[in-house]
Amino acid sequence: MLGPWQRQSPAPLRARVEASIKEGVGLNKQEWIFPAPLQPDDLASLGEAVVEWSRVRAGESRRPHGIDQCALALACAHPGGVPLASTTFGVFRPIELYAEDGIPERVSAFLEGLPLPTLNAAGEPVRFAAALFSWGDVARATLFADD
């Protein structure tokens, strides 16, 4: 009688969310490779590029019923090597990509705080990778798939 209004049990919903995440729904990735030796200006310009990329990706993400939370992670390594540094910025709303003392300043602080001697020690290029995850995309693919 309740049809589409009938409440779903949590187990199938959890399974759909987990499957969606495993399929990569909501995950956006980007990388930048800088030749050695890196300079402080390289890290400053990379910070601007990461923030701009994040803004574009967050702007393209789905926001069903106001679900717009994102998560951002950054890492760097010599190509094929172990990570030299990584960080996450937790779950945030896209507006924080424009706020003073928000994500842009935190991204810049992380990148500009990296020790250049360590990054340049091997004399190899350094690969910086970013991953932006959208909970709204996952919600659209699972909770609101029929909307």
C-alpha atoms as a PDB file:
ATOM      1  CA  MET A   1       0.000   0.000   0.000  1.00  0.00           C
ATOM      2  CA  LEU A   2       2.790   2.456   0.783  1.00  0.00           C
ATOM      3  CA  GLY A   3       4.682   1.740  -2.428  1.00  0.00           C
ATOM      4  CA  PRO A   4       7.597   4.139  -2.924  1.00  0.00           C
ATOM      5  CA  TRP A   5       6.940   5.733   0.460  1.00  0.00           C
ATOM      6  CA  GLN A   6       7.664   2.524   2.302  1.00  0.00           C
ATOM      7  CA  ARG A   7      10.728   2.870   4.464  1.00  0.00           C
ATOM      8  CA  GLN A   8      13.711   0.830   3.297  1.00  0.00           C
ATOM      9  CA  SER A   9      15.696  -1.212   5.753  1.00  0.00           C
ATOM     10  CA  PRO A  10      19.187   0.129   6.541  1.00  0.00           C
ATOM     11  CA  ALA A  11      21.084  -2.943   5.307  1.00  0.00           C
ATOM     12  CA  PRO A  12      20.161  -2.633   1.600  1.00  0.00           C
ATOM     13  CA  LEU A  13      20.744   1.117   1.716  1.00  0.00           C
ATOM     14  CA  ARG A  14      24.147   0.651   3.332  1.00  0.00           C
ATOM     15  CA  ALA A  15      25.021  -1.961   0.713  1.00  0.00           C
ATOM     16  CA  ARG A  16      24.023   0.408  -2.101  1.00  0.00           C
ATOM     17  CA  VAL A  17      26.085   3.254  -0.613  1.00  0.00           C
ATOM     18  CA  GLU A  18      29.107   0.971  -0.154  1.00  0.00           C
ATOM     19  CA  ALA A  19      28.776  -0.381  -3.700  1.00  0.00           C
ATOM     20  CA  SER A  20      28.479   3.149  -5.061  1.00  0.00           C
ATOM     21  CA  ILE A  21      31.629   4.244  -3.257  1.00  0.00           C
ATOM     22  CA  LYS A  22      33.519   1.147  -4.448  1.00  0.00           C
ATOM     23  CA  GLU A  23      32.473   1.986  -8.012  1.00  0.00           C
ATOM     24  CA  GLY A  24      34.056   5.416  -7.622  1.00  0.00           C
ATOM     25  CA  VAL A  25      30.855   7.448  -7.616  1.00  0.00           C
ATOM     26  CA  GLY A  26      31.631  10.932  -6.347  1.00  0.00           C
ATOM     27  CA  LEU A  27      35.412  10.544  -6.606  1.00  0.00           C
ATOM     28  CA  ASN A  28      37.367  13.047  -8.686  1.00  0.00           C
ATOM     29  CA  LYS A  29      41.138  12.769  -9.063  1.00  0.00           C
ATOM     30  CA  GLN A  30      43.796  15.051 -10.505  1.00  0.00           C
ATOM     31  CA  GLU A  31      47.563  15.093 -10.529  1.00  0.00           C
ATOM     32  CA  TRP A  32      50.290  17.603 -11.228  1.00  0.00           C
ATOM     33  CA  ILE A  33      53.923  16.683 -11.899  1.00  0.00           C
ATOM     34  CA  PHE A  34      56.696  19.183 -11.229  1.00  0.00           C
ATOM     35  CA  PRO A  35      60.272  18.666 -12.422  1.00  0.00           C
ATOM     36  CA  ALA A  36      63.068  18.938  -9.889  1.00  0.00           C
ATOM     37  CA  PRO A  37      64.154  21.176  -8.359  1.00  0.00           C
ATOM     38  CA  LEU A  38      60.931  22.605  -6.989  1.00  0.00           C
ATOM     39  CA  GLN A  39      60.846  26.237  -5.938  1.00  0.00           C
ATOM     40  CA  PRO A  40      58.617  27.961  -3.360  1.00  0.00           C
ATOM     41  CA  ASP A  41      56.704  29.647  -6.201  1.00  0.00           C
ATOM     42  CA  ASP A  42      55.877  26.202  -7.631  1.00  0.00           C
ATOM     43  CA  LEU A  43      54.149  25.229  -4.401  1.00  0.00           C
ATOM     44  CA  ALA A  44      52.269  28.527  -4.216  1.00  0.00           C
ATOM     45  CA  SER A  45      50.986  28.181  -7.784  1.00  0.00           C
ATOM     46  CA  LEU A  46      50.104  24.544  -7.137  1.00  0.00           C
ATOM     47  CA  GLY A  47      47.993  25.634  -4.166  1.00  0.00           C
ATOM     48  CA  GLU A  48      46.030  27.957  -6.421  1.00  0.00           C
ATOM     49  CA  ALA A  49      45.605  25.198  -9.024  1.00  0.00           C
ATOM     50  CA  VAL A  50      44.382  22.672  -6.446  1.00  0.00           C
ATOM     51  CA  VAL A  51      41.827  25.121  -5.069  1.00  0.00           C
ATOM     52  CA  GLU A  52      40.572  26.085  -8.527  1.00  0.00           C
ATOM     53  CA  TRP A  53      40.296  22.435  -9.565  1.00  0.00           C
ATOM     54  CA  SER A  54      38.418  21.680  -6.327  1.00  0.00           C
ATOM     55  CA  ARG A  55      36.013  24.562  -6.919  1.00  0.00           C
ATOM     56  CA  VAL A  56      35.229  23.368 -10.439  1.00  0.00           C
ATOM     57  CA  ARG A  57      34.712  19.755  -9.349  1.00  0.00           C
ATOM     58  CA  ALA A  58      32.599  20.719  -6.330  1.00  0.00           C
ATOM     59  CA  GLY A  59      30.542  22.983  -8.596  1.00  0.00           C
ATOM     60  CA  GLU A  60      29.862  20.070 -10.931  1.00  0.00           C
ATOM     61  CA  SER A  61      28.812  17.717  -8.152  1.00  0.00           C
ATOM     62  CA  ARG A  62      25.214  16.813  -7.440  1.00  0.00           C
ATOM     63  CA  ARG A  63      23.397  18.323  -4.446  1.00  0.00           C
ATOM     64  CA  PRO A  64      20.193  16.340  -3.947  1.00  0.00           C
ATOM     65  CA  HIS A  65      18.036  17.903  -1.257  1.00  0.00           C
ATOM     66  CA  GLY A  66      20.976  20.050  -0.111  1.00  0.00           C
ATOM     67  CA  ILE A  67      23.452  17.225   0.455  1.00  0.00           C
ATOM     68  CA  ASP A  68      26.627  18.934  -0.752  1.00  0.00           C
ATOM     69  CA  GLN A  69      29.403  17.829   1.585  1.00  0.00           C
ATOM     70  CA  CYS A  70      32.826  17.097   0.095  1.00  0.00           C
ATOM     71  CA  ALA A  71      36.150  15.764   1.310  1.00  0.00           C
ATOM     72  CA  LEU A  72      39.570  16.644  -0.103  1.00  0.00           C
ATOM     73  CA  ALA A  73      42.882  14.830   0.218  1.00  0.00           C
ATOM     74  CA  LEU A  74      46.351  15.712  -1.104  1.00  0.00           C
ATOM     75  CA  ALA A  75      49.523  13.662  -1.370  1.00  0.00           C
ATOM     76  CA  CYS A  76      52.922  13.945  -2.992  1.00  0.00           C
ATOM     77  CA  ALA A  77      55.566  11.423  -4.002  1.00  0.00           C
ATOM     78  CA  HIS A  78      58.250  10.829  -6.567  1.00  0.00           C
ATOM     79  CA  PRO A  79      56.508   8.945  -9.417  1.00  0.00           C
ATOM     80  CA  GLY A  80      56.388   5.290  -8.461  1.00  0.00           C
ATOM     81  CA  GLY A  81      57.729   6.023  -4.974  1.00  0.00           C
ATOM     82  CA  VAL A  82      56.326   6.046  -1.488  1.00  0.00           C
ATOM     83  CA  PRO A  83      54.346   9.078  -0.350  1.00  0.00           C
ATOM     84  CA  LEU A  84      56.484  11.951   0.936  1.00  0.00           C
ATOM     85  CA  ALA A  85      53.566  13.760   2.551  1.00  0.00           C
ATOM     86  CA  SER A  86      49.782  13.626   2.605  1.00  0.00           C
ATOM     87  CA  THR A  87      46.863  15.300   4.302  1.00  0.00           C
ATOM     88  CA  THR A  88      43.105  15.414   4.329  1.00  0.00           C
ATOM     89  CA  PHE A  89      40.845  18.369   4.891  1.00  0.00           C
ATOM     90  CA  GLY A  90      37.929  16.447   6.341  1.00  0.00           C
ATOM     91  CA  VAL A  91      34.324  16.870   5.320  1.00  0.00           C
ATOM     92  CA  PHE A  92      33.330  20.398   4.352  1.00  0.00           C
ATOM     93  CA  ARG A  93      30.741  22.327   2.382  1.00  0.00           C
ATOM     94  CA  PRO A  94      31.773  23.742  -1.016  1.00  0.00           C
ATOM     95  CA  ILE A  95      31.340  27.314   0.258  1.00  0.00           C
ATOM     96  CA  GLU A  96      34.465  26.708   2.363  1.00  0.00           C
ATOM     97  CA  LEU A  97      36.439  26.663  -0.886  1.00  0.00           C
ATOM     98  CA  TYR A  98      35.762  30.424  -1.041  1.00  0.00           C
ATOM     99  CA  ALA A  99      35.894  31.371   2.640  1.00  0.00           C
ATOM    100  CA  GLU A 100      38.662  33.315   4.336  1.00  0.00           C
ATOM    101  CA  ASP A 101      40.627  31.022   6.595  1.00  0.00           C
ATOM    102  CA  GLY A 102      38.907  28.125   4.815  1.00  0.00           C
ATOM    103  CA  ILE A 103      40.138  25.358   2.579  1.00  0.00           C
ATOM    104  CA  PRO A 104      42.279  27.589   0.281  1.00  0.00           C
ATOM    105  CA  GLU A 105      44.432  28.765   3.183  1.00  0.00           C
ATOM    106  CA  ARG A 106      44.720  25.243   4.554  1.00  0.00           C
ATOM    107  CA  VAL A 107      45.783  23.893   1.138  1.00  0.00           C
ATOM    108  CA  SER A 108      48.388  26.644   0.770  1.00  0.00           C
ATOM    109  CA  ALA A 109      49.668  26.103   4.298  1.00  0.00           C
ATOM    110  CA  PHE A 110      50.125  22.388   3.669  1.00  0.00           C
ATOM    111  CA  LEU A 111      51.878  22.792   0.324  1.00  0.00           C
ATOM    112  CA  GLU A 112      54.047  25.745   1.284  1.00  0.00           C
ATOM    113  CA  GLY A 113      55.004  23.949   4.500  1.00  0.00           C
ATOM    114  CA  LEU A 114      56.491  20.997   2.652  1.00  0.00           C
ATOM    115  CA  PRO A 115      60.275  20.811   3.075  1.00  0.00           C
ATOM    116  CA  LEU A 116      61.817  21.617  -0.307  1.00  0.00           C
ATOM    117  CA  PRO A 117      65.108  19.837   0.526  1.00  0.00           C
ATOM    118  CA  THR A 118      63.169  16.594   1.059  1.00  0.00           C
ATOM    119  CA  LEU A 119      61.147  17.033  -2.134  1.00  0.00           C
ATOM    120  CA  ASN A 120      64.272  17.849  -4.145  1.00  0.00           C
ATOM    121  CA  ALA A 121      66.649  15.335  -2.518  1.00  0.00           C
ATOM    122  CA  ALA A 122      66.235  12.610  -5.142  1.00  0.00           C
ATOM    123  CA  GLY A 123      66.549  15.021  -8.053  1.00  0.00           C
ATOM    124  CA  GLU A 124      63.396  13.463  -9.523  1.00  0.00           C
ATOM    125  CA  PRO A 125      60.071  15.004 -10.472  1.00  0.00           C
ATOM    126  CA  VAL A 126      57.455  15.241  -7.741  1.00  0.00           C
ATOM    127  CA  ARG A 127      53.904  14.081  -8.345  1.00  0.00           C
ATOM    128  CA  PHE A 128      51.131  15.830  -6.428  1.00  0.00           C
ATOM    129  CA  ALA A 129      47.743  14.133  -6.370  1.00  0.00           C
ATOM    130  CA  ALA A 130      44.385  15.437  -5.210  1.00  0.00           C
ATOM    131  CA  ALA A 131      41.173  13.555  -4.610  1.00  0.00           C
ATOM    132  CA  LEU A 132      37.854  15.295  -4.056  1.00  0.00           C
ATOM    133  CA  PHE A 133      34.938  13.188  -2.888  1.00  0.00           C
ATOM    134  CA  SER A 134      31.320  14.339  -3.179  1.00  0.00           C
ATOM    135  CA  TRP A 135      28.749  12.906  -0.780  1.00  0.00           C
ATOM    136  CA  GLY A 136      26.043  14.544  -2.889  1.00  0.00           C
ATOM    137  CA  ASP A 137      26.988  12.390  -5.875  1.00  0.00           C
ATOM    138  CA  VAL A 138      26.749   9.273  -3.717  1.00  0.00           C
ATOM    139  CA  ALA A 139      23.395  10.370  -2.309  1.00  0.00           C
ATOM    140  CA  ARG A 140      22.073  11.010  -5.819  1.00  0.00           C
ATOM    141  CA  ALA A 141      23.213   7.565  -6.966  1.00  0.00           C
ATOM    142  CA  THR A 142      21.758   5.732  -3.984  1.00  0.00           C
ATOM    143  CA  LEU A 143      19.188   7.549  -1.848  1.00  0.00           C
ATOM    144  CA  PHE A 144      17.621   9.630  -4.603  1.00  0.00           C
ATOM    145  CA  ALA A 145      18.270   7.412  -7.635  1.00  0.00           C
ATOM    146  CA  ASP A 146      14.635   7.586  -8.682  1.00  0.00           C
ATOM    147  CA  ASP A 147      14.272  11.400  -8.396  1.00  0.00           C
END
